[in-house]
């Protein structure tokens, strides 16, 4: 038995906010904590502020984003390079050798 394709998940409160803004025909930022919601064609052209765990990051929705999840476009972790920390310790070592 073949399975029917699942419908995209969109949080109900987010869908209601999008419909309200579409009725007003105004552009305003919509805030949400729902990173698991899928992007629908009705969201294209709106700015949605998506929560990354610390703050809301505004993202402008475009056509190529349709079908993806909101959380894909807002990183939750900051990358800190190991190389930069390692270079700092080398410079400190050189300073201590010159002081002796």
PDB file of N, CA and C in Angstrom:
ATOM      1  N   UNK A   1       0.846  -1.171   0.000  1.00  0.00           N
ATOM      2  CA  UNK A   1       0.000   0.000   0.000  1.00  0.00           C
ATOM      3  C   UNK A   1       0.895   1.238   0.000  1.00  0.00           C
ATOM      4  N   UNK A   2       0.700   2.123  -0.962  1.00  0.00           N
ATOM      5  CA  UNK A   2       1.509   3.330  -1.034  1.00  0.00           C
ATOM      6  C   UNK A   2       0.942   4.388  -0.095  1.00  0.00           C
ATOM      7  N   UNK A   3       1.841   5.148   0.433  1.00  0.00           N
ATOM      8  CA  UNK A   3       1.448   6.165   1.394  1.00  0.00           C
ATOM      9  C   UNK A   3       1.161   7.491   0.686  1.00  0.00           C
ATOM     10  N   UNK A   4       0.131   8.156   1.131  1.00  0.00           N
ATOM     11  CA  UNK A   4      -0.200   9.467   0.600  1.00  0.00           C
ATOM     12  C   UNK A   4       0.796  10.487   1.158  1.00  0.00           C
ATOM     13  N   UNK A   5       1.177  11.448   0.338  1.00  0.00           N
ATOM     14  CA  UNK A   5       2.147  12.453   0.781  1.00  0.00           C
ATOM     15  C   UNK A   5       1.593  13.257   1.954  1.00  0.00           C
ATOM     16  N   UNK A   6       2.464  13.518   2.921  1.00  0.00           N
ATOM     17  CA  UNK A   6       2.044  14.285   4.093  1.00  0.00           C
ATOM     18  C   UNK A   6       1.866  15.760   3.729  1.00  0.00           C
ATOM     19  N   UNK A   7       0.937  16.402   4.372  1.00  0.00           N
ATOM     20  CA  UNK A   7       0.739  17.836   4.193  1.00  0.00           C
ATOM     21  C   UNK A   7       1.814  18.593   4.968  1.00  0.00           C
ATOM     22  N   UNK A   8       2.198  19.783   4.499  1.00  0.00           N
ATOM     23  CA  UNK A   8       3.208  20.559   5.234  1.00  0.00           C
ATOM     24  C   UNK A   8       2.644  21.075   6.556  1.00  0.00           C
ATOM     25  N   UNK A   9       3.491  21.074   7.589  1.00  0.00           N
ATOM     26  CA  UNK A   9       3.081  21.585   8.896  1.00  0.00           C
ATOM     27  C   UNK A   9       3.294  23.092   8.943  1.00  0.00           C
ATOM     28  N   UNK A  10       2.257  23.802   9.372  1.00  0.00           N
ATOM     29  CA  UNK A  10       2.368  25.237   9.635  1.00  0.00           C
ATOM     30  C   UNK A  10       1.602  25.498  10.923  1.00  0.00           C
ATOM     31  N   UNK A  11       2.249  26.163  11.877  1.00  0.00           N
ATOM     32  CA  UNK A  11       1.599  26.475  13.147  1.00  0.00           C
ATOM     33  C   UNK A  11       0.358  27.331  12.885  1.00  0.00           C
ATOM     34  N   UNK A  12      -0.720  27.003  13.582  1.00  0.00           N
ATOM     35  CA  UNK A  12      -1.997  27.676  13.349  1.00  0.00           C
ATOM     36  C   UNK A  12      -1.901  29.179  13.614  1.00  0.00           C
ATOM     37  N   UNK A  13      -1.223  29.559  14.703  1.00  0.00           N
ATOM     38  CA  UNK A  13      -1.135  30.986  15.039  1.00  0.00           C
ATOM     39  C   UNK A  13      -0.359  31.760  13.970  1.00  0.00           C
ATOM     40  N   UNK A  14       0.624  31.115  13.345  1.00  0.00           N
ATOM     41  CA  UNK A  14       1.397  31.770  12.288  1.00  0.00           C
ATOM     42  C   UNK A  14       0.537  31.950  11.037  1.00  0.00           C
ATOM     43  N   UNK A  15      -0.251  30.937  10.716  1.00  0.00           N
ATOM     44  CA  UNK A  15      -1.140  31.005   9.558  1.00  0.00           C
ATOM     45  C   UNK A  15      -2.168  32.127   9.723  1.00  0.00           C
ATOM     46  N   UNK A  16      -2.695  32.275  10.935  1.00  0.00           N
ATOM     47  CA  UNK A  16      -3.670  33.335  11.215  1.00  0.00           C
ATOM     48  C   UNK A  16      -3.022  34.709  11.044  1.00  0.00           C
ATOM     49  N   UNK A  17      -1.783  34.870  11.547  1.00  0.00           N
ATOM     50  CA  UNK A  17      -1.076  36.155  11.419  1.00  0.00           C
ATOM     51  C   UNK A  17      -0.819  36.499   9.954  1.00  0.00           C
ATOM     52  N   UNK A  18      -0.421  35.500   9.153  1.00  0.00           N
ATOM     53  CA  UNK A  18      -0.149  35.724   7.725  1.00  0.00           C
ATOM     54  C   UNK A  18      -1.429  36.155   7.007  1.00  0.00           C
ATOM     55  N   UNK A  19      -2.537  35.480   7.304  1.00  0.00           N
ATOM     56  CA  UNK A  19      -3.808  35.823   6.665  1.00  0.00           C
ATOM     57  C   UNK A  19      -4.252  37.241   7.026  1.00  0.00           C
ATOM     58  N   UNK A  20      -4.038  37.655   8.296  1.00  0.00           N
ATOM     59  CA  UNK A  20      -4.397  39.015   8.714  1.00  0.00           C
ATOM     60  C   UNK A  20      -3.595  40.053   7.940  1.00  0.00           C
ATOM     61  N   UNK A  21      -2.295  39.811   7.806  1.00  0.00           N
ATOM     62  CA  UNK A  21      -1.430  40.755   7.094  1.00  0.00           C
ATOM     63  C   UNK A  21      -1.798  40.795   5.615  1.00  0.00           C
ATOM     64  N   UNK A  22      -2.156  39.644   5.031  1.00  0.00           N
ATOM     65  CA  UNK A  22      -2.571  39.609   3.623  1.00  0.00           C
ATOM     66  C   UNK A  22      -3.873  40.376   3.409  1.00  0.00           C
ATOM     67  N   UNK A  23      -4.778  40.328   4.383  1.00  0.00           N
ATOM     68  CA  UNK A  23      -6.043  41.059   4.270  1.00  0.00           C
ATOM     69  C   UNK A  23      -5.803  42.567   4.324  1.00  0.00           C
ATOM     70  N   UNK A  24      -4.888  42.999   5.212  1.00  0.00           N
ATOM     71  CA  UNK A  24      -4.574  44.423   5.351  1.00  0.00           C
ATOM     72  C   UNK A  24      -3.799  44.946   4.151  1.00  0.00           C
ATOM     73  N   UNK A  25      -3.089  44.045   3.474  1.00  0.00           N
ATOM     74  CA  UNK A  25      -2.210  44.385   2.356  1.00  0.00           C
ATOM     75  C   UNK A  25      -1.111  45.354   2.789  1.00  0.00           C
ATOM     76  N   UNK A  26      -0.631  45.185   4.015  1.00  0.00           N
ATOM     77  CA  UNK A  26       0.480  45.978   4.534  1.00  0.00           C
ATOM     78  C   UNK A  26       1.669  45.060   4.774  1.00  0.00           C
ATOM     79  N   UNK A  27       2.850  45.640   4.751  1.00  0.00           N
ATOM     80  CA  UNK A  27       4.059  44.878   5.045  1.00  0.00           C
ATOM     81  C   UNK A  27       4.471  45.165   6.481  1.00  0.00           C
ATOM     82  N   UNK A  28       4.437  44.144   7.319  1.00  0.00           N
ATOM     83  CA  UNK A  28       4.910  44.283   8.689  1.00  0.00           C
ATOM     84  C   UNK A  28       5.623  42.996   9.089  1.00  0.00           C
ATOM     85  N   UNK A  29       6.525  43.108  10.043  1.00  0.00           N
ATOM     86  CA  UNK A  29       7.292  41.953  10.491  1.00  0.00           C
ATOM     87  C   UNK A  29       6.431  41.090  11.399  1.00  0.00           C
ATOM     88  N   UNK A  30       6.439  39.792  11.140  1.00  0.00           N
ATOM     89  CA  UNK A  30       5.667  38.836  11.919  1.00  0.00           C
ATOM     90  C   UNK A  30       6.651  38.018  12.742  1.00  0.00           C
ATOM     91  N   UNK A  31       6.507  38.029  14.060  1.00  0.00           N
ATOM     92  CA  UNK A  31       7.402  37.272  14.936  1.00  0.00           C
ATOM     93  C   UNK A  31       6.857  35.884  15.210  1.00  0.00           C
ATOM     94  N   UNK A  32       7.749  34.883  15.282  1.00  0.00           N
ATOM     95  CA  UNK A  32       7.312  33.523  15.577  1.00  0.00           C
ATOM     96  C   UNK A  32       8.415  32.730  16.261  1.00  0.00           C
ATOM     97  N   UNK A  33       7.997  31.771  17.076  1.00  0.00           N
ATOM     98  CA  UNK A  33       8.916  30.822  17.697  1.00  0.00           C
ATOM     99  C   UNK A  33       8.851  29.480  16.974  1.00  0.00           C
ATOM    100  N   UNK A  34       7.954  29.351  16.010  1.00  0.00           N
ATOM    101  CA  UNK A  34       7.732  28.080  15.323  1.00  0.00           C
ATOM    102  C   UNK A  34       8.738  27.877  14.192  1.00  0.00           C
ATOM    103  N   UNK A  35       9.875  27.275  14.510  1.00  0.00           N
ATOM    104  CA  UNK A  35      10.916  27.007  13.522  1.00  0.00           C
ATOM    105  C   UNK A  35      10.561  25.796  12.658  1.00  0.00           C
ATOM    106  N   UNK A  36       9.647  24.955  13.125  1.00  0.00           N
ATOM    107  CA  UNK A  36       9.284  23.731  12.413  1.00  0.00           C
ATOM    108  C   UNK A  36       8.237  23.963  11.324  1.00  0.00           C
ATOM    109  N   UNK A  37       7.695  25.164  11.241  1.00  0.00           N
ATOM    110  CA  UNK A  37       6.666  25.458  10.237  1.00  0.00           C
ATOM    111  C   UNK A  37       7.271  25.515   8.842  1.00  0.00           C
ATOM    112  N   UNK A  38       6.537  24.963   7.875  1.00  0.00           N
ATOM    113  CA  UNK A  38       6.965  25.011   6.475  1.00  0.00           C
ATOM    114  C   UNK A  38       6.595  26.358   5.869  1.00  0.00           C
ATOM    115  N   UNK A  39       7.356  26.766   4.865  1.00  0.00           N
ATOM    116  CA  UNK A  39       7.082  28.023   4.174  1.00  0.00           C
ATOM    117  C   UNK A  39       6.108  27.744   3.033  1.00  0.00           C
ATOM    118  N   UNK A  40       4.999  28.469   3.030  1.00  0.00           N
ATOM    119  CA  UNK A  40       3.956  28.320   2.011  1.00  0.00           C
ATOM    120  C   UNK A  40       4.035  29.474   1.015  1.00  0.00           C
ATOM    121  N   UNK A  41       3.446  29.315  -0.170  1.00  0.00           N
ATOM    122  CA  UNK A  41       3.449  30.405  -1.157  1.00  0.00           C
ATOM    123  C   UNK A  41       2.769  31.687  -0.664  1.00  0.00           C
ATOM    124  N   UNK A  42       1.842  31.582   0.299  1.00  0.00           N
ATOM    125  CA  UNK A  42       1.181  32.789   0.822  1.00  0.00           C
ATOM    126  C   UNK A  42       2.124  33.638   1.670  1.00  0.00           C
ATOM    127  N   UNK A  43       3.253  33.069   2.102  1.00  0.00           N
ATOM    128  CA  UNK A  43       4.215  33.799   2.937  1.00  0.00           C
ATOM    129  C   UNK A  43       5.224  34.596   2.119  1.00  0.00           C
ATOM    130  N   UNK A  44       5.290  34.343   0.814  1.00  0.00           N
ATOM    131  CA  UNK A  44       6.288  35.004  -0.038  1.00  0.00           C
ATOM    132  C   UNK A  44       6.058  36.514  -0.031  1.00  0.00           C
ATOM    133  N   UNK A  45       7.134  37.266   0.175  1.00  0.00           N
ATOM    134  CA  UNK A  45       7.063  38.718   0.200  1.00  0.00           C
ATOM    135  C   UNK A  45       6.951  39.305   1.591  1.00  0.00           C
ATOM    136  N   UNK A  46       6.782  38.467   2.602  1.00  0.00           N
ATOM    137  CA  UNK A  46       6.677  38.944   3.982  1.00  0.00           C
ATOM    138  C   UNK A  46       8.012  38.804   4.695  1.00  0.00           C
ATOM    139  N   UNK A  47       8.189  39.604   5.740  1.00  0.00           N
ATOM    140  CA  UNK A  47       9.351  39.482   6.608  1.00  0.00           C
ATOM    141  C   UNK A  47       8.892  38.805   7.887  1.00  0.00           C
ATOM    142  N   UNK A  48       9.513  37.669   8.200  1.00  0.00           N
ATOM    143  CA  UNK A  48       9.158  36.906   9.390  1.00  0.00           C
ATOM    144  C   UNK A  48      10.364  36.879  10.310  1.00  0.00           C
ATOM    145  N   UNK A  49      10.168  37.280  11.572  1.00  0.00           N
ATOM    146  CA  UNK A  49      11.238  37.250  12.571  1.00  0.00           C
ATOM    147  C   UNK A  49      11.192  35.892  13.263  1.00  0.00           C
ATOM    148  N   UNK A  50      12.209  35.068  13.025  1.00  0.00           N
ATOM    149  CA  UNK A  50      12.252  33.695  13.526  1.00  0.00           C
ATOM    150  C   UNK A  50      13.179  33.637  14.731  1.00  0.00           C
ATOM    151  N   UNK A  51      12.736  32.973  15.787  1.00  0.00           N
ATOM    152  CA  UNK A  51      13.512  32.890  17.025  1.00  0.00           C
ATOM    153  C   UNK A  51      14.651  31.887  16.873  1.00  0.00           C
ATOM    154  N   UNK A  52      15.858  32.274  17.298  1.00  0.00           N
ATOM    155  CA  UNK A  52      17.005  31.368  17.190  1.00  0.00           C
ATOM    156  C   UNK A  52      17.417  30.809  18.547  1.00  0.00           C
ATOM    157  N   UNK A  53      16.609  31.027  19.569  1.00  0.00           N
ATOM    158  CA  UNK A  53      16.921  30.561  20.909  1.00  0.00           C
ATOM    159  C   UNK A  53      17.324  31.702  21.817  1.00  0.00           C
ATOM    160  N   UNK A  54      17.715  32.815  21.226  1.00  0.00           N
ATOM    161  CA  UNK A  54      18.144  33.978  21.999  1.00  0.00           C
ATOM    162  C   UNK A  54      17.380  35.234  21.596  1.00  0.00           C
ATOM    163  N   UNK A  55      17.196  35.415  20.291  1.00  0.00           N
ATOM    164  CA  UNK A  55      16.517  36.605  19.779  1.00  0.00           C
ATOM    165  C   UNK A  55      15.793  36.263  18.481  1.00  0.00           C
ATOM    166  N   UNK A  56      14.973  37.204  18.008  1.00  0.00           N
ATOM    167  CA  UNK A  56      14.267  37.017  16.743  1.00  0.00           C
ATOM    168  C   UNK A  56      15.093  37.623  15.612  1.00  0.00           C
ATOM    169  N   UNK A  57      15.341  36.831  14.571  1.00  0.00           N
ATOM    170  CA  UNK A  57      16.109  37.267  13.411  1.00  0.00           C
ATOM    171  C   UNK A  57      15.135  37.463  12.245  1.00  0.00           C
ATOM    172  N   UNK A  58      15.023  38.686  11.685  1.00  0.00           N
ATOM    173  CA  UNK A  58      14.095  38.904  10.568  1.00  0.00           C
ATOM    174  C   UNK A  58      14.632  38.316   9.261  1.00  0.00           C
ATOM    175  N   UNK A  59      13.781  37.562   8.575  1.00  0.00           N
ATOM    176  CA  UNK A  59      14.124  36.928   7.301  1.00  0.00           C
ATOM    177  C   UNK A  59      13.052  37.306   6.279  1.00  0.00           C
ATOM    178  N   UNK A  60      13.485  37.790   5.108  1.00  0.00           N
ATOM    179  CA  UNK A  60      12.557  38.111   4.021  1.00  0.00           C
ATOM    180  C   UNK A  60      12.319  36.831   3.218  1.00  0.00           C
ATOM    181  N   UNK A  61      11.063  36.437   3.058  1.00  0.00           N
ATOM    182  CA  UNK A  61      10.700  35.185   2.388  1.00  0.00           C
ATOM    183  C   UNK A  61      10.627  35.412   0.879  1.00  0.00           C
ATOM    184  N   UNK A  62      11.347  34.560   0.119  1.00  0.00           N
ATOM    185  CA  UNK A  62      11.353  34.628  -1.345  1.00  0.00           C
ATOM    186  C   UNK A  62      10.856  33.306  -1.927  1.00  0.00           C
ATOM    187  N   UNK A  63      10.633  33.275  -3.235  1.00  0.00           N
ATOM    188  CA  UNK A  63      10.101  32.079  -3.901  1.00  0.00           C
ATOM    189  C   UNK A  63      10.940  30.815  -3.722  1.00  0.00           C
ATOM    190  N   UNK A  64      12.273  30.869  -3.819  1.00  0.00           N
ATOM    191  CA  UNK A  64      13.046  29.623  -3.668  1.00  0.00           C
ATOM    192  C   UNK A  64      12.953  28.994  -2.276  1.00  0.00           C
ATOM    193  N   UNK A  65      12.461  29.740  -1.288  1.00  0.00           N
ATOM    194  CA  UNK A  65      12.356  29.221   0.080  1.00  0.00           C
ATOM    195  C   UNK A  65      11.112  28.363   0.291  1.00  0.00           C
ATOM    196  N   UNK A  66      10.156  28.404  -0.630  1.00  0.00           N
ATOM    197  CA  UNK A  66       8.890  27.679  -0.467  1.00  0.00           C
ATOM    198  C   UNK A  66       9.166  26.179  -0.366  1.00  0.00           C
ATOM    199  N   UNK A  67       8.560  25.554   0.644  1.00  0.00           N
ATOM    200  CA  UNK A  67       8.736  24.121   0.866  1.00  0.00           C
ATOM    201  C   UNK A  67       9.765  23.803   1.936  1.00  0.00           C
ATOM    202  N   UNK A  68      10.607  24.771   2.283  1.00  0.00           N
ATOM    203  CA  UNK A  68      11.597  24.563   3.339  1.00  0.00           C
ATOM    204  C   UNK A  68      10.989  24.930   4.689  1.00  0.00           C
ATOM    205  N   UNK A  69      11.707  24.635   5.763  1.00  0.00           N
ATOM    206  CA  UNK A  69      11.267  24.993   7.108  1.00  0.00           C
ATOM    207  C   UNK A  69      11.846  26.355   7.488  1.00  0.00           C
ATOM    208  N   UNK A  70      11.148  27.088   8.351  1.00  0.00           N
ATOM    209  CA  UNK A  70      11.616  28.408   8.775  1.00  0.00           C
ATOM    210  C   UNK A  70      12.955  28.319   9.502  1.00  0.00           C
ATOM    211  N   UNK A  71      13.139  27.286  10.294  1.00  0.00           N
ATOM    212  CA  UNK A  71      14.352  27.141  11.089  1.00  0.00           C
ATOM    213  C   UNK A  71      15.613  26.929  10.281  1.00  0.00           C
ATOM    214  N   UNK A  72      15.484  26.551   9.017  1.00  0.00           N
ATOM    215  CA  UNK A  72      16.660  26.313   8.175  1.00  0.00           C
ATOM    216  C   UNK A  72      17.422  27.600   7.879  1.00  0.00           C
ATOM    217  N   UNK A  73      16.764  28.735   7.973  1.00  0.00           N
ATOM    218  CA  UNK A  73      17.359  29.994   7.549  1.00  0.00           C
ATOM    219  C   UNK A  73      17.907  30.829   8.705  1.00  0.00           C
ATOM    220  N   UNK A  74      17.781  30.321   9.935  1.00  0.00           N
ATOM    221  CA  UNK A  74      18.292  31.042  11.101  1.00  0.00           C
ATOM    222  C   UNK A  74      19.192  30.106  11.901  1.00  0.00           C
ATOM    223  N   UNK A  75      20.501  30.365  11.915  1.00  0.00           N
ATOM    224  CA  UNK A  75      21.405  29.491  12.675  1.00  0.00           C
ATOM    225  C   UNK A  75      21.211  29.669  14.181  1.00  0.00           C
ATOM    226  N   UNK A  76      21.342  28.577  14.924  1.00  0.00           N
ATOM    227  CA  UNK A  76      21.164  28.633  16.374  1.00  0.00           C
ATOM    228  C   UNK A  76      22.492  28.659  17.108  1.00  0.00           C
ATOM    229  N   UNK A  77      23.567  28.309  16.439  1.00  0.00           N
ATOM    230  CA  UNK A  77      24.878  28.251  17.087  1.00  0.00           C
ATOM    231  C   UNK A  77      25.855  29.162  16.366  1.00  0.00           C
ATOM    232  N   UNK A  78      26.759  29.767  17.124  1.00  0.00           N
ATOM    233  CA  UNK A  78      27.805  30.605  16.545  1.00  0.00           C
ATOM    234  C   UNK A  78      29.060  29.773  16.377  1.00  0.00           C
ATOM    235  N   UNK A  79      29.656  29.823  15.207  1.00  0.00           N
ATOM    236  CA  UNK A  79      30.876  29.074  14.946  1.00  0.00           C
ATOM    237  C   UNK A  79      32.076  29.906  15.383  1.00  0.00           C
ATOM    238  N   UNK A  80      32.890  29.352  16.260  1.00  0.00           N
ATOM    239  CA  UNK A  80      34.142  30.002  16.634  1.00  0.00           C
ATOM    240  C   UNK A  80      35.267  29.108  16.162  1.00  0.00           C
ATOM    241  N   UNK A  81      36.164  29.672  15.414  1.00  0.00           N
ATOM    242  CA  UNK A  81      37.228  28.902  14.791  1.00  0.00           C
ATOM    243  C   UNK A  81      38.295  28.528  15.808  1.00  0.00           C
ATOM    244  N   UNK A  82      38.774  27.315  15.729  1.00  0.00           N
ATOM    245  CA  UNK A  82      39.834  26.840  16.605  1.00  0.00           C
ATOM    246  C   UNK A  82      41.152  27.494  16.225  1.00  0.00           C
ATOM    247  N   UNK A  83      41.353  27.761  14.949  1.00  0.00           N
ATOM    248  CA  UNK A  83      42.614  28.318  14.464  1.00  0.00           C
ATOM    249  C   UNK A  83      42.904  29.682  15.074  1.00  0.00           C
ATOM    250  N   UNK A  84      41.900  30.534  15.208  1.00  0.00           N
ATOM    251  CA  UNK A  84      42.146  31.873  15.738  1.00  0.00           C
ATOM    252  C   UNK A  84      42.576  31.804  17.201  1.00  0.00           C
ATOM    253  N   UNK A  85      42.003  30.895  17.968  1.00  0.00           N
ATOM    254  CA  UNK A  85      42.385  30.741  19.366  1.00  0.00           C
ATOM    255  C   UNK A  85      43.809  30.204  19.464  1.00  0.00           C
ATOM    256  N   UNK A  86      44.171  29.336  18.556  1.00  0.00           N
ATOM    257  CA  UNK A  86      45.499  28.739  18.563  1.00  0.00           C
ATOM    258  C   UNK A  86      46.565  29.777  18.206  1.00  0.00           C
ATOM    259  N   UNK A  87      46.287  30.657  17.289  1.00  0.00           N
ATOM    260  CA  UNK A  87      47.232  31.704  16.907  1.00  0.00           C
ATOM    261  C   UNK A  87      47.477  32.661  18.070  1.00  0.00           C
ATOM    262  N   UNK A  88      46.442  32.925  18.861  1.00  0.00           N
ATOM    263  CA  UNK A  88      46.595  33.810  20.011  1.00  0.00           C
ATOM    264  C   UNK A  88      47.559  33.219  21.031  1.00  0.00           C
ATOM    265  N   UNK A  89      47.482  31.915  21.275  1.00  0.00           N
ATOM    266  CA  UNK A  89      48.373  31.295  22.260  1.00  0.00           C
ATOM    267  C   UNK A  89      49.811  31.319  21.772  1.00  0.00           C
ATOM    268  N   UNK A  90      50.027  31.189  20.485  1.00  0.00           N
ATOM    269  CA  UNK A  90      51.388  31.248  19.953  1.00  0.00           C
ATOM    270  C   UNK A  90      51.981  32.635  20.173  1.00  0.00           C
ATOM    271  N   UNK A  91      51.197  33.670  19.965  1.00  0.00           N
ATOM    272  CA  UNK A  91      51.713  35.020  20.145  1.00  0.00           C
ATOM    273  C   UNK A  91      52.020  35.277  21.619  1.00  0.00           C
ATOM    274  N   UNK A  92      51.247  34.709  22.529  1.00  0.00           N
ATOM    275  CA  UNK A  92      51.523  34.862  23.954  1.00  0.00           C
ATOM    276  C   UNK A  92      52.819  34.160  24.331  1.00  0.00           C
ATOM    277  N   UNK A  93      53.056  32.985  23.733  1.00  0.00           N
ATOM    278  CA  UNK A  93      54.289  32.248  24.021  1.00  0.00           C
ATOM    279  C   UNK A  93      55.503  33.061  23.598  1.00  0.00           C
ATOM    280  N   UNK A  94      55.428  33.687  22.457  1.00  0.00           N
ATOM    281  CA  UNK A  94      56.541  34.495  21.972  1.00  0.00           C
ATOM    282  C   UNK A  94      56.787  35.693  22.883  1.00  0.00           C
ATOM    283  N   UNK A  95      55.718  36.276  23.423  1.00  0.00           N
ATOM    284  CA  UNK A  95      55.867  37.417  24.322  1.00  0.00           C
ATOM    285  C   UNK A  95      56.564  37.009  25.615  1.00  0.00           C
ATOM    286  N   UNK A  96      56.224  35.837  26.156  1.00  0.00           N
ATOM    287  CA  UNK A  96      56.833  35.405  27.418  1.00  0.00           C
ATOM    288  C   UNK A  96      58.299  35.040  27.220  1.00  0.00           C
ATOM    289  N   UNK A  97      58.662  34.506  26.064  1.00  0.00           N
ATOM    290  CA  UNK A  97      60.061  34.163  25.800  1.00  0.00           C
ATOM    291  C   UNK A  97      60.919  35.419  25.705  1.00  0.00           C
ATOM    292  N   UNK A  98      60.382  36.466  25.128  1.00  0.00           N
ATOM    293  CA  UNK A  98      61.155  37.695  24.972  1.00  0.00           C
ATOM    294  C   UNK A  98      61.317  38.424  26.307  1.00  0.00           C
ATOM    295  N   UNK A  99      60.424  38.196  27.251  1.00  0.00           N
ATOM    296  CA  UNK A  99      60.498  38.849  28.557  1.00  0.00           C
ATOM    297  C   UNK A  99      61.592  38.240  29.436  1.00  0.00           C
ATOM    298  N   UNK A 100      61.933  36.976  29.202  1.00  0.00           N
ATOM    299  CA  UNK A 100      62.922  36.285  30.049  1.00  0.00           C
ATOM    300  C   UNK A 100      64.251  36.821  29.847  1.00  0.00           C
TER     301      UNK A 100
END
